Amino acid sequence: MPVALGAAGTTAIGAQQPVRLTQFLRQSIGLDASQLAAVDQGEPVVKALETQNPRDVAVFGIIVTNAPRDALVRRIKDLRTWLATPTRVRFGIFGDPAAPADVQSLVIDAKDAEDLRKCKPGDCTFKLAGTEMERIRKEVDWSAKDMQAQLSGYAQRRLIEYVTDYRTRGDSAIATYDDHGGVSGGAAFAALLAESPYVYQYAPTLANYLRHYPHEKLDGVTEAIFWSEDQMPRLRRTLNVNHIVVYDPPGTKMTLAATKQIYAKHYFEAAFDLMSVIDREGTPGSYVIVLRRYRFDNLPSGGLLNIKGRVLNSLKEKMAVDLRREKAQAAGPDH
């Protein structure tokens, strides 16, 4: 979140928070005095934000580290190491062009295989297009002993084709999800991005690049498309495909790492993760600030299950864990 832009030379309050950053945390995020004090003390502070769409969830997090920004950025740009997080069961980075070796560790387990067997438009636990559900039914021999291996091979081939198509056509290649009524994943992402005004305000070229990829160009980026199977607390393991872009806006003292979802097997119609690493003013170190926005397919907020509350608590818990890990890794192996 690029919020301290232009803060160089300002005075600091608390324990070296730039005035503009503190104002942002108070006025835009709504942090109180105790939360601001926790930031100064190096603790992770996480807060759920209000959203316009009731199916959207937004989570904000911040932590301060003693490591300089350039040290954190070097680690982030080593994507193969940085993307290997503890909640990531397996993942792979797609080459250009995408190849079978990129997805060879992807497997479909017995539970997913049984769910896929039952899939039909309007009634499917997977986020798939209706045409994809039909194609799976036709191409897989459901009575064969190697049925799971067939499904794994199918998923591997389709991910390669999907990523290749996205690199050619951008958002128009992102799937339409027919599990619950036909939702365009590309349109859902555009909506989330439109509700992230700080990207447009402070890094408009990055916003345009994400929205108009591959037709918009942006110099100086480190980027990759990767797949992952992620296990968040109390939620089902989810296969995701994401496009990550790391960028230093010219003339600023910050680095942005934007992650754009282009597919998710469960839950998410769209997701957008924006991490900012910002120089501290007047003292060594940097701030790590993260904003994550998600649009879910079905999040009733009441009733016995209270799915929205469970998901939100899981996301907040994961945010705090991720912030602590960033700080610990920034400090080095002896801390």
Protein backbone atom coordinates (compact mmCIF):
# COMPACT_ATOMS: atom_id res chain seq x y z
CA MET A 1 0.00 0.00 0.00
CA PRO A 2 1.86 3.11 -1.20
CA VAL A 3 0.88 5.48 1.56
CA ALA A 4 4.09 7.21 2.61
CA LEU A 5 4.83 8.69 -0.77
CA GLY A 6 6.24 12.16 -0.39
CA ALA A 7 6.88 11.70 3.32
CA ALA A 8 10.62 12.26 3.03
CA GLY A 9 11.68 15.24 5.11
CA THR A 10 8.56 15.28 7.29
CA THR A 11 8.77 15.05 11.03
CA ALA A 12 7.96 11.83 12.81
CA ILE A 13 5.66 10.98 15.68
CA GLY A 14 5.66 7.95 17.93
CA ALA A 15 8.80 5.98 17.22
CA GLN A 16 9.59 7.26 13.74
CA GLN A 17 6.32 6.90 11.81
CA PRO A 18 6.14 9.49 9.01
CA VAL A 19 3.32 11.98 9.50
CA ARG A 20 1.59 11.01 6.23
CA LEU A 21 1.76 7.33 7.08
CA THR A 22 0.33 7.92 10.55
CA GLN A 23 -2.48 10.03 9.09
CA PHE A 24 -3.28 7.29 6.63
CA LEU A 25 -3.34 4.63 9.34
CA ARG A 26 -5.65 6.76 11.50
CA GLN A 27 -7.96 8.25 8.91
CA SER A 28 -8.15 5.67 6.11
CA ILE A 29 -7.57 2.43 8.01
CA GLY A 30 -9.01 3.52 11.36
CA LEU A 31 -6.22 2.35 13.65
CA ASP A 32 -6.50 3.61 17.22
CA ALA A 33 -3.73 4.80 19.55
CA SER A 34 -3.03 1.33 20.95
CA GLN A 35 -2.73 -0.15 17.46
CA LEU A 36 -0.38 2.63 16.35
CA ALA A 37 1.72 1.98 19.44
CA ALA A 38 1.83 -1.72 18.53
CA VAL A 39 3.13 -0.79 15.07
CA ASP A 40 5.89 1.29 16.66
CA GLN A 41 6.77 -1.64 18.92
CA GLY A 42 7.22 -3.95 15.95
CA GLU A 43 4.06 -6.01 16.41
CA PRO A 44 1.88 -7.00 13.45
CA VAL A 45 -1.38 -5.07 13.31
CA VAL A 46 -4.21 -6.57 11.27
CA LYS A 47 -7.66 -5.17 10.60
CA ALA A 48 -10.64 -6.12 8.45
CA LEU A 49 -11.86 -3.22 6.31
CA GLU A 50 -15.34 -2.27 5.22
CA THR A 51 -16.26 -3.23 1.64
CA GLN A 52 -18.96 -2.02 -0.74
CA ASN A 53 -19.92 -5.49 -1.93
CA PRO A 54 -21.15 -7.81 0.86
CA ARG A 55 -19.35 -10.74 -0.80
CA ASP A 56 -16.02 -8.92 -0.65
CA VAL A 57 -13.53 -9.23 2.18
CA ALA A 58 -10.61 -6.83 2.67
CA VAL A 59 -7.83 -7.33 5.21
CA PHE A 60 -5.11 -4.79 6.03
CA GLY A 61 -1.86 -5.54 7.81
CA ILE A 62 1.33 -3.69 8.78
CA ILE A 63 4.59 -4.49 10.55
CA VAL A 64 7.88 -2.64 10.93
CA THR A 65 11.24 -4.32 10.35
CA ASN A 66 14.81 -3.28 11.05
CA ALA A 67 15.91 -4.43 7.60
CA PRO A 68 16.39 -1.85 4.84
CA ARG A 69 13.98 -1.92 1.95
CA ASP A 70 16.56 -3.06 -0.59
CA ALA A 71 17.31 -6.17 1.51
CA LEU A 72 13.63 -7.11 1.66
CA VAL A 73 13.18 -6.45 -2.03
CA ARG A 74 16.12 -8.66 -3.00
CA ARG A 75 14.47 -11.50 -1.10
CA ILE A 76 11.05 -10.85 -2.65
CA LYS A 77 12.48 -10.84 -6.17
CA ASP A 78 13.91 -14.30 -5.54
CA LEU A 79 10.41 -15.54 -6.31
CA ARG A 80 11.11 -19.25 -6.22
CA THR A 81 12.25 -18.96 -2.60
CA TRP A 82 9.87 -16.20 -1.47
CA LEU A 83 6.74 -17.94 -2.78
CA ALA A 84 7.52 -21.15 -0.84
CA THR A 85 5.45 -20.28 2.26
CA PRO A 86 4.55 -22.67 5.12
CA THR A 87 0.85 -22.80 4.13
CA ARG A 88 1.76 -23.65 0.53
CA VAL A 89 1.53 -27.42 0.16
CA ARG A 90 3.08 -27.34 -3.31
CA PHE A 91 3.63 -24.77 -6.05
CA GLY A 92 5.34 -24.18 -9.35
CA ILE A 93 6.39 -21.23 -11.48
CA PHE A 94 5.45 -21.34 -15.15
CA GLY A 95 8.22 -20.88 -17.66
CA ASP A 96 7.69 -18.88 -20.83
CA PRO A 97 6.44 -20.83 -22.63
CA ALA A 98 4.69 -22.94 -20.01
CA ALA A 99 5.79 -26.58 -20.09
CA PRO A 100 4.81 -29.93 -18.51
CA ALA A 101 7.75 -29.75 -16.09
CA ASP A 102 6.18 -26.65 -14.53
CA VAL A 103 3.17 -28.61 -13.24
CA GLN A 104 4.50 -32.14 -12.78
CA SER A 105 3.94 -32.07 -8.99
CA LEU A 106 0.25 -31.14 -9.32
CA VAL A 107 -2.03 -34.02 -8.34
CA ILE A 108 -5.78 -34.49 -7.95
CA ASP A 109 -6.61 -36.30 -4.71
CA ALA A 110 -9.46 -38.76 -4.08
CA LYS A 111 -11.79 -36.16 -2.56
CA ASP A 112 -11.39 -33.80 -5.50
CA ALA A 113 -11.85 -36.67 -7.94
CA GLU A 114 -15.16 -37.62 -6.35
CA ASP A 115 -16.34 -34.00 -6.38
CA LEU A 116 -15.38 -33.61 -10.04
CA ARG A 117 -17.38 -36.69 -10.94
CA LYS A 118 -20.53 -34.94 -9.65
CA CYS A 119 -19.87 -31.52 -11.23
CA LYS A 120 -22.55 -29.89 -13.36
CA PRO A 121 -23.36 -26.24 -14.09
CA GLY A 122 -24.97 -24.61 -11.08
CA ASP A 123 -23.96 -27.45 -8.77
CA CYS A 124 -20.21 -27.94 -8.45
CA THR A 125 -17.73 -27.54 -5.63
CA PHE A 126 -15.08 -26.50 -8.16
CA LYS A 127 -14.95 -23.11 -9.84
CA LEU A 128 -15.14 -24.20 -13.47
CA ALA A 129 -16.83 -23.19 -16.70
CA GLY A 130 -19.72 -25.39 -17.79
CA THR A 131 -17.80 -26.33 -20.94
CA GLU A 132 -14.89 -27.45 -18.75
CA MET A 133 -17.16 -29.66 -16.64
CA GLU A 134 -18.48 -31.31 -19.82
CA ARG A 135 -14.98 -31.76 -21.22
CA ILE A 136 -13.80 -33.47 -18.02
CA ARG A 137 -16.73 -35.88 -18.08
CA LYS A 138 -15.95 -36.86 -21.67
CA GLU A 139 -12.16 -37.17 -21.43
CA VAL A 140 -11.87 -39.14 -18.18
CA ASP A 141 -12.65 -42.84 -17.82
CA TRP A 142 -14.33 -42.71 -14.41
CA SER A 143 -14.32 -46.48 -13.98
CA ALA A 144 -10.61 -46.91 -14.66
CA LYS A 145 -8.15 -47.76 -11.88
CA ASP A 146 -5.95 -44.86 -12.95
CA MET A 147 -8.83 -42.36 -12.89
CA GLN A 148 -7.02 -40.00 -10.47
CA ALA A 149 -3.88 -40.11 -12.61
CA GLN A 150 -6.03 -39.25 -15.65
CA LEU A 151 -7.50 -36.28 -13.78
CA SER A 152 -4.06 -35.11 -12.66
CA GLY A 153 -2.77 -35.29 -16.23
CA TYR A 154 -5.84 -33.44 -17.47
CA ALA A 155 -5.41 -30.67 -14.86
CA GLN A 156 -1.73 -30.30 -15.74
CA ARG A 157 -2.46 -29.96 -19.47
CA ARG A 158 -5.30 -27.51 -18.93
CA LEU A 159 -3.24 -25.26 -16.65
CA ILE A 160 -0.52 -25.03 -19.30
CA GLU A 161 -3.14 -24.13 -21.91
CA TYR A 162 -4.81 -21.66 -19.55
CA VAL A 163 -1.61 -19.78 -18.73
CA THR A 164 -0.59 -19.71 -22.40
CA ASP A 165 -3.98 -18.25 -23.29
CA TYR A 166 -3.74 -15.62 -20.52
CA ARG A 167 -0.32 -14.55 -21.76
CA THR A 168 -1.88 -13.99 -25.18
CA ARG A 169 -5.29 -12.50 -24.35
CA GLY A 170 -5.05 -11.25 -20.77
CA ASP A 171 -8.23 -10.94 -18.72
CA SER A 172 -10.46 -12.11 -21.56
CA ALA A 173 -8.87 -15.55 -21.07
CA ILE A 174 -9.76 -15.73 -17.35
CA ALA A 175 -12.39 -18.37 -16.69
CA THR A 176 -16.11 -17.83 -16.29
CA TYR A 177 -17.25 -19.79 -13.25
CA ASP A 178 -20.47 -21.73 -13.75
CA ASP A 179 -20.55 -23.43 -10.35
CA HIS A 180 -22.98 -20.79 -9.10
CA GLY A 181 -24.59 -18.87 -11.93
CA GLY A 182 -21.81 -17.85 -14.33
CA VAL A 183 -19.34 -15.26 -13.02
CA SER A 184 -16.57 -13.72 -15.10
CA GLY A 185 -13.32 -13.98 -13.16
CA GLY A 186 -11.85 -11.16 -15.24
CA ALA A 187 -14.75 -8.82 -14.45
CA ALA A 188 -14.56 -9.72 -10.76
CA PHE A 189 -10.85 -8.83 -10.68
CA ALA A 190 -11.51 -5.50 -12.45
CA ALA A 191 -14.05 -4.68 -9.75
CA LEU A 192 -11.58 -5.42 -6.96
CA LEU A 193 -8.88 -3.36 -8.63
CA ALA A 194 -11.31 -0.44 -9.04
CA GLU A 195 -11.90 -0.55 -5.28
CA SER A 196 -8.15 -0.24 -4.60
CA PRO A 197 -7.74 3.51 -5.27
CA TYR A 198 -4.23 3.74 -3.84
CA VAL A 199 -2.88 1.71 -6.73
CA TYR A 200 -4.32 4.18 -9.22
CA GLN A 201 -3.28 7.21 -7.12
CA TYR A 202 0.33 6.26 -6.47
CA ALA A 203 1.16 3.71 -9.15
CA PRO A 204 -1.22 4.25 -12.08
CA THR A 205 1.14 2.53 -14.52
CA LEU A 206 1.07 -0.62 -12.38
CA ALA A 207 -2.73 -0.53 -12.24
CA ASN A 208 -2.93 -0.17 -16.01
CA TYR A 209 -0.44 -2.99 -16.49
CA LEU A 210 -2.43 -5.37 -14.31
CA ARG A 211 -5.71 -4.47 -15.94
CA HIS A 212 -4.58 -4.45 -19.57
CA TYR A 213 -1.90 -7.17 -19.54
CA PRO A 214 -0.37 -8.22 -21.96
CA HIS A 215 -1.30 -5.25 -24.15
CA GLU A 216 0.11 -2.67 -21.70
CA LYS A 217 3.88 -2.58 -21.16
CA LEU A 218 5.75 -1.71 -17.97
CA ASP A 219 9.54 -1.44 -17.79
CA GLY A 220 11.56 -2.63 -14.82
CA VAL A 221 9.21 -5.27 -13.45
CA THR A 222 10.06 -8.65 -11.99
CA GLU A 223 7.11 -10.94 -12.65
CA ALA A 224 5.95 -14.54 -12.88
CA ILE A 225 2.83 -16.65 -13.22
CA PHE A 226 2.66 -19.45 -10.67
CA TRP A 227 0.28 -22.11 -9.40
CA SER A 228 -0.02 -23.19 -5.80
CA GLU A 229 -2.03 -25.38 -3.49
CA ASP A 230 -2.65 -23.37 -0.33
CA GLN A 231 -4.01 -24.52 3.02
CA MET A 232 -5.47 -21.72 5.12
CA PRO A 233 -6.73 -22.35 8.67
CA ARG A 234 -10.20 -23.94 8.79
CA LEU A 235 -10.65 -23.79 5.00
CA ARG A 236 -10.42 -26.38 2.27
CA ARG A 237 -7.12 -26.68 0.39
CA THR A 238 -7.32 -24.51 -2.72
CA LEU A 239 -5.51 -24.58 -6.06
CA ASN A 240 -4.71 -21.06 -7.27
CA VAL A 241 -3.03 -19.56 -10.32
CA ASN A 242 -1.62 -16.07 -9.83
CA HIS A 243 0.28 -13.39 -11.74
CA ILE A 244 2.77 -11.58 -9.48
CA VAL A 245 4.44 -8.28 -10.44
CA VAL A 246 7.18 -6.59 -8.39
CA TYR A 247 7.70 -2.92 -9.25
CA ASP A 248 9.54 0.17 -7.98
CA PRO A 249 7.49 3.27 -8.92
CA PRO A 250 9.97 5.88 -10.19
CA GLY A 251 10.80 8.69 -7.79
CA THR A 252 9.49 6.90 -4.70
CA LYS A 253 10.99 5.16 -1.69
CA MET A 254 8.85 2.06 -1.94
CA THR A 255 8.51 -1.24 -3.77
CA LEU A 256 5.19 -2.87 -4.65
CA ALA A 257 4.48 -6.57 -5.03
CA ALA A 258 1.05 -7.04 -6.62
CA THR A 259 -0.50 -10.50 -6.93
CA LYS A 260 -3.45 -10.94 -9.28
CA GLN A 261 -5.50 -14.12 -9.15
CA ILE A 262 -6.31 -15.61 -12.54
CA TYR A 263 -7.85 -18.84 -11.22
CA ALA A 264 -8.95 -20.42 -7.93
CA LYS A 265 -10.41 -23.89 -7.45
CA HIS A 266 -12.57 -22.95 -4.45
CA TYR A 267 -14.07 -19.89 -2.77
CA PHE A 268 -12.56 -17.00 -4.71
CA GLU A 269 -14.11 -15.33 -7.76
CA ALA A 270 -11.25 -12.83 -7.60
CA ALA A 271 -8.35 -11.91 -5.34
CA PHE A 272 -5.84 -9.06 -5.27
CA ASP A 273 -2.87 -8.83 -2.91
CA LEU A 274 -0.78 -5.65 -2.72
CA MET A 275 2.35 -5.58 -0.57
CA SER A 276 4.29 -2.36 -0.14
CA VAL A 277 7.77 -2.13 1.33
CA ILE A 278 8.41 1.46 2.40
CA ASP A 279 11.52 3.12 3.79
CA ARG A 280 11.27 4.35 7.36
CA GLU A 281 12.06 7.99 7.92
CA GLY A 282 14.85 9.02 10.30
CA THR A 283 15.81 5.51 11.35
CA PRO A 284 17.00 2.33 9.63
CA GLY A 285 14.40 -0.19 8.56
CA SER A 286 11.22 -0.40 6.59
CA TYR A 287 7.48 -0.90 6.83
CA VAL A 288 5.78 -3.90 5.27
CA ILE A 289 2.16 -3.03 4.49
CA VAL A 290 -0.27 -5.49 2.93
CA LEU A 291 -3.79 -5.10 1.60
CA ARG A 292 -5.66 -8.22 0.48
CA ARG A 293 -9.03 -8.11 -1.23
CA TYR A 294 -11.15 -11.15 -2.06
CA ARG A 295 -14.50 -11.68 -3.73
CA PHE A 296 -16.14 -14.90 -2.62
CA ASP A 297 -18.79 -16.92 -4.39
CA ASN A 298 -21.08 -17.43 -1.39
CA LEU A 299 -20.58 -15.85 2.01
CA PRO A 300 -23.70 -15.84 4.18
CA SER A 301 -22.91 -13.77 7.27
CA GLY A 302 -25.43 -15.37 9.63
CA GLY A 303 -26.80 -18.75 10.56
CA LEU A 304 -25.15 -21.69 12.22
CA LEU A 305 -22.25 -21.95 9.82
CA ASN A 306 -21.40 -18.23 9.66
CA ILE A 307 -19.15 -18.86 6.68
CA LYS A 308 -18.13 -15.23 6.26
CA GLY A 309 -16.98 -14.92 9.86
CA ARG A 310 -14.97 -18.13 9.59
CA VAL A 311 -13.30 -17.03 6.36
CA LEU A 312 -12.53 -13.55 7.70
CA ASN A 313 -10.97 -14.93 10.88
CA SER A 314 -8.88 -17.32 8.80
CA LEU A 315 -7.64 -14.51 6.55
CA LYS A 316 -6.77 -12.27 9.50
CA GLU A 317 -4.90 -15.10 11.18
CA LYS A 318 -2.95 -15.84 8.01
CA MET A 319 -2.11 -12.13 7.56
CA ALA A 320 -0.59 -11.91 11.05
CA VAL A 321 1.43 -15.09 10.47
CA ASP A 322 2.68 -13.80 7.11
CA LEU A 323 3.73 -10.44 8.57
CA ARG A 324 5.65 -12.10 11.40
CA ARG A 325 7.38 -14.37 8.90
CA GLU A 326 8.39 -11.40 6.74
CA LYS A 327 9.89 -9.68 9.76
CA ALA A 328 11.71 -12.80 10.95
CA GLN A 329 13.15 -13.54 7.52
CA ALA A 330 14.17 -9.91 7.09
CA ALA A 331 16.12 -10.13 10.35
CA GLY A 332 18.16 -13.06 9.04
CA PRO A 333 18.76 -16.65 10.23
CA ASP A 334 20.15 -15.65 13.65
CA HIS A 335 16.97 -13.91 14.81
